[in-house]
Protein backbone atom coordinates (compact mmCIF):
# COMPACT_ATOMS: atom_id res chain seq x y z
CA MET A 1 191.45 191.48 163.19
CA LEU A 2 193.77 194.51 163.31
CA HIS A 3 190.90 196.81 164.18
CA ARG A 4 189.50 194.48 166.80
CA LEU A 5 192.84 193.96 168.53
CA ALA A 6 193.50 197.70 168.60
CA THR A 7 190.27 198.40 170.41
CA LEU A 8 191.19 195.99 173.20
CA ALA A 9 193.75 198.48 174.44
CA LEU A 10 191.02 200.94 175.34
CA LEU A 11 190.02 199.79 178.83
CA ALA A 12 193.59 199.18 179.97
CA LEU A 13 195.02 202.39 178.50
CA THR A 14 196.62 204.75 181.04
CA LEU A 15 195.78 208.27 179.98
CA ALA A 16 198.15 211.13 180.75
CA THR A 17 196.05 213.81 179.12
CA PRO A 18 192.99 215.63 180.43
CA SER A 19 189.58 215.32 178.87
CA ALA A 20 189.18 217.27 175.66
CA GLY A 21 185.59 218.06 176.65
CA ALA A 22 182.44 217.79 174.60
CA ALA A 23 182.65 217.75 170.83
CA GLU A 24 181.92 220.93 168.97
CA ALA A 25 178.74 221.18 166.96
CA PHE A 26 178.61 220.07 163.33
CA PRO A 27 175.79 220.25 160.82
CA SER A 28 173.83 217.14 161.66
CA PRO A 29 174.40 214.65 160.30
CA ILE A 30 177.44 215.42 158.17
CA VAL A 31 178.09 213.32 155.05
CA ILE A 32 181.59 211.85 154.84
CA ALA A 33 182.69 210.45 151.47
CA HIS A 34 184.19 207.06 152.36
CA ARG A 35 187.50 207.01 150.43
CA GLY A 36 185.86 209.59 148.17
CA ALA A 37 182.83 208.67 146.09
CA SER A 38 184.19 205.12 146.09
CA GLY A 39 180.97 203.58 144.86
CA TYR A 40 181.54 205.28 141.51
CA ARG A 41 185.31 205.78 141.08
CA PRO A 42 188.41 203.91 142.32
CA GLU A 43 188.95 204.77 145.96
CA HIS A 44 191.31 207.50 147.16
CA THR A 45 191.73 209.01 143.70
CA GLU A 46 191.32 212.56 142.49
CA ALA A 47 188.27 211.47 140.48
CA ALA A 48 186.65 209.94 143.58
CA TYR A 49 187.33 213.00 145.72
CA ARG A 50 186.14 215.56 143.17
CA LEU A 51 182.98 213.57 142.46
CA ALA A 52 182.29 213.37 146.18
CA ALA A 53 182.48 217.15 146.48
CA GLU A 54 180.25 217.53 143.43
CA GLN A 55 177.70 215.20 145.04
CA GLY A 56 177.56 217.33 148.18
CA ALA A 57 179.81 215.53 150.68
CA ASP A 58 180.84 217.64 153.66
CA TYR A 59 184.10 215.74 154.18
CA ILE A 60 186.31 213.52 152.02
CA GLU A 61 188.13 210.66 153.71
CA ALA A 62 191.84 210.06 153.23
CA ASP A 63 193.36 206.88 154.67
CA LEU A 64 197.11 207.41 155.06
CA VAL A 65 200.12 205.14 154.82
CA MET A 66 203.76 206.13 154.36
CA THR A 67 206.31 205.64 151.58
CA LYS A 68 209.88 204.48 151.97
CA ASP A 69 211.01 208.10 151.80
CA GLY A 70 208.57 209.29 154.44
CA VAL A 71 205.72 210.75 152.38
CA LEU A 72 202.11 210.33 153.51
CA VAL A 73 199.98 208.91 150.69
CA SER A 74 196.38 207.77 150.53
CA ARG A 75 195.70 204.04 150.43
CA HIS A 76 193.33 202.05 152.61
CA GLU A 77 196.16 199.68 153.54
CA ASN A 78 199.85 199.57 152.81
CA GLU A 79 199.46 196.47 150.62
CA ILE A 80 198.75 197.88 147.13
CA GLY A 81 198.21 194.80 144.98
CA LEU A 82 194.42 195.13 145.26
CA THR A 83 194.11 198.82 144.45
CA THR A 84 196.89 199.58 141.95
CA ASP A 85 198.33 198.03 138.80
CA VAL A 86 201.64 197.20 140.50
CA ALA A 87 201.35 193.54 139.45
CA ALA A 88 201.58 194.64 135.83
CA HIS A 89 204.95 196.33 136.40
CA PRO A 90 207.74 193.77 135.85
CA GLU A 91 210.29 196.17 137.33
CA PHE A 92 208.61 195.71 140.71
CA ALA A 93 208.06 191.93 140.54
CA ASP A 94 210.87 191.24 143.02
CA ARG A 95 209.19 193.41 145.64
CA ARG A 96 206.29 191.05 146.10
CA THR A 97 206.65 189.68 149.61
CA SER A 98 204.88 188.45 152.73
CA ARG A 99 204.68 190.65 155.81
CA LEU A 100 203.28 190.36 159.34
CA ILE A 101 201.45 193.56 160.26
CA ASP A 102 199.96 193.89 163.73
CA GLY A 103 199.30 190.19 164.03
CA GLU A 104 198.02 189.52 160.51
CA ARG A 105 199.91 188.01 157.57
CA PHE A 106 199.67 189.80 154.20
CA GLU A 107 201.16 189.03 150.81
CA GLY A 108 201.73 191.47 147.98
CA TRP A 109 203.45 194.80 147.45
CA PHE A 110 203.80 197.34 150.25
CA VAL A 111 203.93 201.12 150.11
CA GLU A 112 206.83 201.29 152.55
CA ASP A 113 209.00 199.46 149.98
CA PHE A 114 208.46 202.19 147.37
CA THR A 115 209.64 205.77 147.09
CA LEU A 116 207.09 208.36 146.10
CA ALA A 117 208.69 208.60 142.66
CA GLU A 118 208.20 204.87 142.16
CA LEU A 119 204.58 205.01 143.33
CA ARG A 120 203.98 207.74 140.77
CA THR A 121 204.47 205.18 138.02
CA LEU A 122 201.47 203.16 139.25
CA ARG A 123 197.79 203.74 138.56
CA ALA A 124 194.78 203.04 140.77
CA ARG A 125 192.18 200.39 140.11
CA GLU A 126 188.82 199.41 141.57
CA ARG A 127 188.98 197.12 144.62
CA TYR A 128 185.77 195.25 143.67
CA PRO A 129 185.74 195.21 139.85
CA SER A 130 183.01 192.55 139.51
CA GLN A 131 180.75 194.42 141.95
CA ARG A 132 181.42 197.99 140.83
CA LYS A 133 181.76 197.88 137.08
CA GLU A 134 181.19 201.62 136.63
CA SER A 135 184.15 202.36 138.86
CA ALA A 136 186.31 199.65 137.25
CA ALA A 137 185.89 201.44 133.92
CA TYR A 138 188.19 204.12 135.36
CA ASP A 139 191.01 201.69 136.15
CA GLY A 140 194.47 202.80 135.05
CA ARG A 141 193.72 206.52 134.88
CA GLN A 142 194.52 207.89 138.33
CA PRO A 143 197.79 208.09 140.30
CA VAL A 144 198.31 207.53 144.01
CA LEU A 145 197.83 210.86 145.81
CA THR A 146 199.87 212.49 148.54
CA LEU A 147 198.20 214.13 151.52
CA ALA A 148 199.31 217.53 150.22
CA GLU A 149 197.51 216.87 146.93
CA ILE A 150 194.32 215.87 148.73
CA VAL A 151 194.44 219.06 150.78
CA ALA A 152 194.69 221.00 147.51
CA ILE A 153 191.73 219.11 146.03
CA ALA A 154 189.57 219.86 149.07
CA ARG A 155 190.47 223.54 148.89
CA THR A 156 189.83 223.95 145.18
CA GLU A 157 186.53 222.10 145.44
CA GLY A 158 185.52 224.21 148.41
CA ASP A 159 186.36 227.41 146.52
CA ARG A 160 184.46 226.20 143.48
CA ARG A 161 181.35 225.40 145.48
CA GLY A 162 181.45 228.26 147.95
CA ARG A 163 181.48 225.96 151.00
CA PRO A 164 184.14 224.11 152.97
CA VAL A 165 185.05 220.58 151.88
CA GLY A 166 186.61 219.04 154.96
CA LEU A 167 189.27 216.36 155.37
CA TYR A 168 188.62 213.21 157.40
CA ILE A 169 192.03 211.58 157.85
CA GLU A 170 192.80 208.07 159.11
CA LEU A 171 196.25 206.86 160.10
CA LYS A 172 196.57 203.22 159.09
CA ASN A 173 198.58 200.93 161.40
CA PRO A 174 200.60 203.72 163.03
CA GLY A 175 202.34 201.35 165.45
CA TYR A 176 203.58 199.17 162.60
CA HIS A 177 204.87 202.23 160.72
CA ALA A 178 206.69 203.49 163.81
CA ALA A 179 208.33 200.09 164.30
CA ILE A 180 209.85 200.23 160.80
CA GLY A 181 211.14 203.76 161.27
CA LEU A 182 208.26 205.67 159.70
CA PRO A 183 206.41 207.41 162.55
CA MET A 184 203.18 208.94 161.25
CA GLU A 185 201.72 211.17 163.95
CA ALA A 186 204.34 213.94 163.89
CA ALA A 187 204.50 213.80 160.09
CA LEU A 188 200.76 214.30 159.85
CA VAL A 189 200.77 217.25 162.24
CA GLU A 190 203.68 218.84 160.38
CA ALA A 191 201.76 218.48 157.10
CA LEU A 192 198.68 220.09 158.63
CA GLU A 193 200.82 222.90 160.03
CA ARG A 194 202.31 223.59 156.59
CA ALA A 195 198.81 223.73 155.15
CA GLY A 196 197.56 226.09 157.86
CA LEU A 197 195.18 223.40 159.16
CA ASN A 198 196.67 222.55 162.55
CA ARG A 199 194.02 224.46 164.46
CA ARG A 200 190.83 223.67 166.34
CA ASP A 201 188.49 225.33 163.85
CA ALA A 202 190.04 223.71 160.77
CA PRO A 203 187.72 221.55 158.65
CA VAL A 204 189.80 218.50 159.61
CA ILE A 205 189.09 215.41 161.72
CA ILE A 206 191.66 212.69 162.44
CA GLN A 207 190.45 209.14 163.09
CA SER A 208 192.07 205.92 164.20
CA PHE A 209 191.24 202.46 165.54
CA TRP A 210 194.35 202.80 167.72
CA PRO A 211 193.91 204.57 171.09
CA GLU A 212 197.67 205.03 171.47
CA ALA A 213 197.82 207.05 168.26
CA LEU A 214 195.01 209.31 169.37
CA VAL A 215 196.56 209.88 172.79
CA ALA A 216 199.82 210.85 171.05
CA LEU A 217 198.00 213.13 168.64
CA ARG A 218 196.10 214.85 171.46
CA LYS A 219 199.46 216.17 172.68
CA LEU A 220 200.44 217.41 169.22
CA THR A 221 197.34 218.97 167.70
CA PRO A 222 194.10 220.75 168.60
CA VAL A 223 192.36 219.14 165.59
CA ARG A 224 189.29 217.07 166.49
CA LEU A 225 189.91 213.34 166.96
CA MET A 226 187.68 210.33 166.35
CA PHE A 227 188.00 206.80 167.77
CA LEU A 228 186.80 203.98 165.50
CA ILE A 229 185.07 200.87 166.88
CA ASN A 230 184.44 197.64 164.99
CA SER A 231 181.20 195.74 165.60
CA VAL A 232 182.77 192.27 165.41
CA PRO A 233 184.32 190.99 168.64
CA PRO A 234 187.63 189.15 168.74
CA PRO A 235 187.88 185.52 169.89
CA ASP A 236 186.96 184.77 173.50
CA ASP A 237 190.53 183.89 174.47
CA ILE A 238 191.71 187.36 173.45
CA LEU A 239 188.91 188.94 175.45
CA ARG A 240 189.86 186.87 178.50
CA ALA A 241 193.56 187.68 178.11
CA ASN A 242 192.71 191.38 178.22
CA GLY A 243 190.36 191.11 181.18
CA ILE A 244 187.27 192.01 179.16
CA ALA A 245 184.17 190.07 180.12
CA ALA A 246 182.22 191.09 177.00
CA TRP A 247 183.01 193.05 173.86
CA SER A 248 180.18 195.44 174.71
CA ASP A 249 182.26 196.63 177.70
CA VAL A 250 184.48 198.47 175.22
CA TYR A 251 181.59 200.68 174.12
CA SER A 252 179.57 200.62 177.33
CA PRO A 253 178.76 203.96 179.00
CA GLU A 254 181.93 203.55 181.06
CA GLY A 255 183.99 202.66 178.01
CA LEU A 256 182.70 205.69 176.12
CA ARG A 257 183.69 207.93 179.02
CA TYR A 258 187.24 206.64 178.56
CA VAL A 259 187.06 207.52 174.88
CA ALA A 260 186.01 211.08 175.74
CA GLN A 261 189.37 211.57 177.46
CA PHE A 262 191.25 211.46 174.15
CA ALA A 263 188.65 212.06 171.41
CA GLU A 264 185.69 214.26 170.63
CA ILE A 265 183.97 211.78 168.31
CA VAL A 266 183.37 208.04 168.29
CA GLY A 267 182.99 206.05 165.07
CA PRO A 268 180.96 202.84 165.45
CA GLU A 269 180.26 200.40 162.66
CA THR A 270 176.60 200.58 161.61
CA GLU A 271 175.80 197.27 163.32
CA LEU A 272 176.58 198.85 166.68
CA ILE A 273 173.65 201.20 166.07
CA PHE A 274 171.37 198.71 164.32
CA PRO A 275 172.38 195.10 165.11
CA ARG A 276 171.31 192.46 162.60
CA ASP A 277 169.52 189.20 163.25
CA ALA A 278 170.52 185.82 161.83
CA GLU A 279 168.78 186.63 158.54
CA GLY A 280 170.59 189.94 158.15
CA ARG A 281 167.68 192.20 159.06
CA SER A 282 168.27 195.25 161.23
CA LEU A 283 166.99 195.13 164.78
CA PRO A 284 165.82 198.20 166.75
CA ALA A 285 168.47 200.79 167.55
CA THR A 286 170.70 200.25 170.56
CA SER A 287 171.48 202.92 173.17
CA PHE A 288 174.91 203.56 171.61
CA VAL A 289 174.14 207.06 170.32
CA ALA A 290 172.52 208.19 173.56
CA ASP A 291 175.36 206.73 175.63
CA ALA A 292 177.98 208.45 173.46
CA HIS A 293 176.16 211.78 173.63
CA ASP A 294 175.92 211.43 177.40
CA ALA A 295 179.70 210.98 177.47
CA GLY A 296 180.14 214.21 175.47
CA LEU A 297 180.98 212.45 172.22
CA GLN A 298 179.59 212.93 168.76
CA VAL A 299 178.82 209.80 166.69
CA HIS A 300 180.00 209.37 163.09
CA VAL A 301 178.94 205.92 161.89
CA TRP A 302 180.58 203.82 159.17
CA SER A 303 179.65 203.02 156.50
CA VAL A 304 176.73 203.05 154.07
CA GLY A 305 176.99 201.46 150.63
CA ALA A 306 174.15 201.52 148.11
CA GLU A 307 174.44 197.94 146.81
CA ASN A 308 172.17 195.23 148.20
CA ARG A 309 175.12 193.25 149.57
CA ARG A 310 176.04 196.19 151.82
CA LEU A 311 172.53 196.74 153.19
CA PRO A 312 170.33 195.03 155.77
CA VAL A 313 167.95 192.54 154.16
CA GLN A 314 164.85 194.72 154.54
CA PHE A 315 166.47 197.49 152.48
CA ARG A 316 167.47 195.24 149.56
CA ARG A 317 165.55 195.66 146.32
CA GLY A 318 165.04 193.62 143.15
CA ASP A 319 164.77 189.92 142.46
CA PRO A 320 166.87 187.80 144.85
CA GLY A 321 167.01 185.18 142.11
CA ASP A 322 168.88 187.51 139.77
CA PRO A 323 172.57 186.51 139.56
CA ASP A 324 173.52 190.19 139.96
CA HIS A 325 171.05 190.87 142.76
CA LEU A 326 173.63 191.58 145.46
CA ASP A 327 175.42 194.12 143.27
CA GLN A 328 172.24 195.98 142.32
CA PRO A 329 171.20 199.14 144.19
CA GLY A 330 168.99 198.80 147.22
CA ASP A 331 167.28 201.41 149.37
CA ALA A 332 170.34 202.92 151.01
CA ALA A 333 168.38 206.13 151.53
CA ALA A 334 166.17 204.26 154.02
CA LEU A 335 169.23 203.27 156.04
CA VAL A 336 170.52 206.86 155.97
CA ARG A 337 167.19 208.15 157.26
CA ALA A 338 167.12 205.46 159.96
CA LEU A 339 170.58 206.50 161.12
CA GLN A 340 169.48 210.13 161.12
CA SER A 341 166.45 209.21 163.24
CA ALA A 342 168.74 207.34 165.62
CA GLY A 343 170.55 210.63 166.24
CA VAL A 344 173.94 210.09 164.58
CA ASP A 345 175.97 213.24 163.96
CA GLY A 346 177.67 212.02 160.79
CA LEU A 347 177.87 209.04 158.47
CA PHE A 348 180.42 207.61 156.07
CA THR A 349 179.15 206.51 152.69
CA ASP A 350 180.51 205.20 149.39
CA HIS A 351 177.64 207.00 147.63
CA PRO A 352 177.47 210.63 148.85
CA ASP A 353 174.74 211.58 146.39
CA VAL A 354 172.38 209.00 147.91
CA ALA A 355 172.99 210.25 151.44
CA VAL A 356 172.68 213.91 150.51
CA ALA A 357 169.38 213.26 148.73
CA ALA A 358 168.06 211.18 151.60
CA LEU A 359 168.82 213.99 154.02
CA ARG A 360 167.03 216.43 151.66
CA ARG A 361 169.86 218.91 151.46
């Protein structure tokens, strides 16, 4: 719901900045390791990032939240009960709490209640242990990483392989962080500046579901920006309250022209390119890619997973009667090639090796 509500601000947003112009060219399509090679190692860990680079990913994704002492660290959300062993630490038992974040209620442990030193005592674990047993075997080995450490990983991997390994950075719930005294945008730009990456030609892209964050960032950095769009619409009453007749208005040709005023790239969920029917089969491609390109935007779609449960029905493989069928590998390469044929400029994937092989690199 957070992502869907954020997108509603798009059509009503008053923009004070000029258009950034058409996106610069990338190799097409680029392969973006979704939270690292998260299909094989616990997400946002050094192991996941290094494996992604080894498998040929062009970019590694770092989702950022902020600690109590103002350090940017990589977690997909600020609640860390799912992806660390914090529940096994009795010294932090009293920090379990309930929190309202951008309209949604969460329970657990939250990064903003921990200093970096305290987070260092935790270890990462697989989000879906029953689905991704190979990754779960690496539970308890990897610490939570800072942005500075991820920059260093990308650089060392790039040096080792003789090619750039880029950073694809997402600010998570920036409005919430600002409200609790932990503004993220300036901190991110300062970190990029220290690393020598706050420049237009840096191998860095910043993404967000939140238009306000991207508008603020456009004033602070020349780094390329990407606006994320969820495929699932919010309830009708929320649409009506925001004067939106249909969810498709947000990513209509007119809506995409708004996006081009504060971003160079748009990031639709895969179902906005290939909608699915009631049985879960992909339908023919929409005009999304062509409309975005006409608006001067590149398209980086999210995200491709190799397991049957993450694929359209026609790309699933194996015996549907097998109890483990949904967790077995399907033909993700076919989806990658379909997205390539649809004209996308980049794609996020949990399994970079599958995408790289499908693109015959």
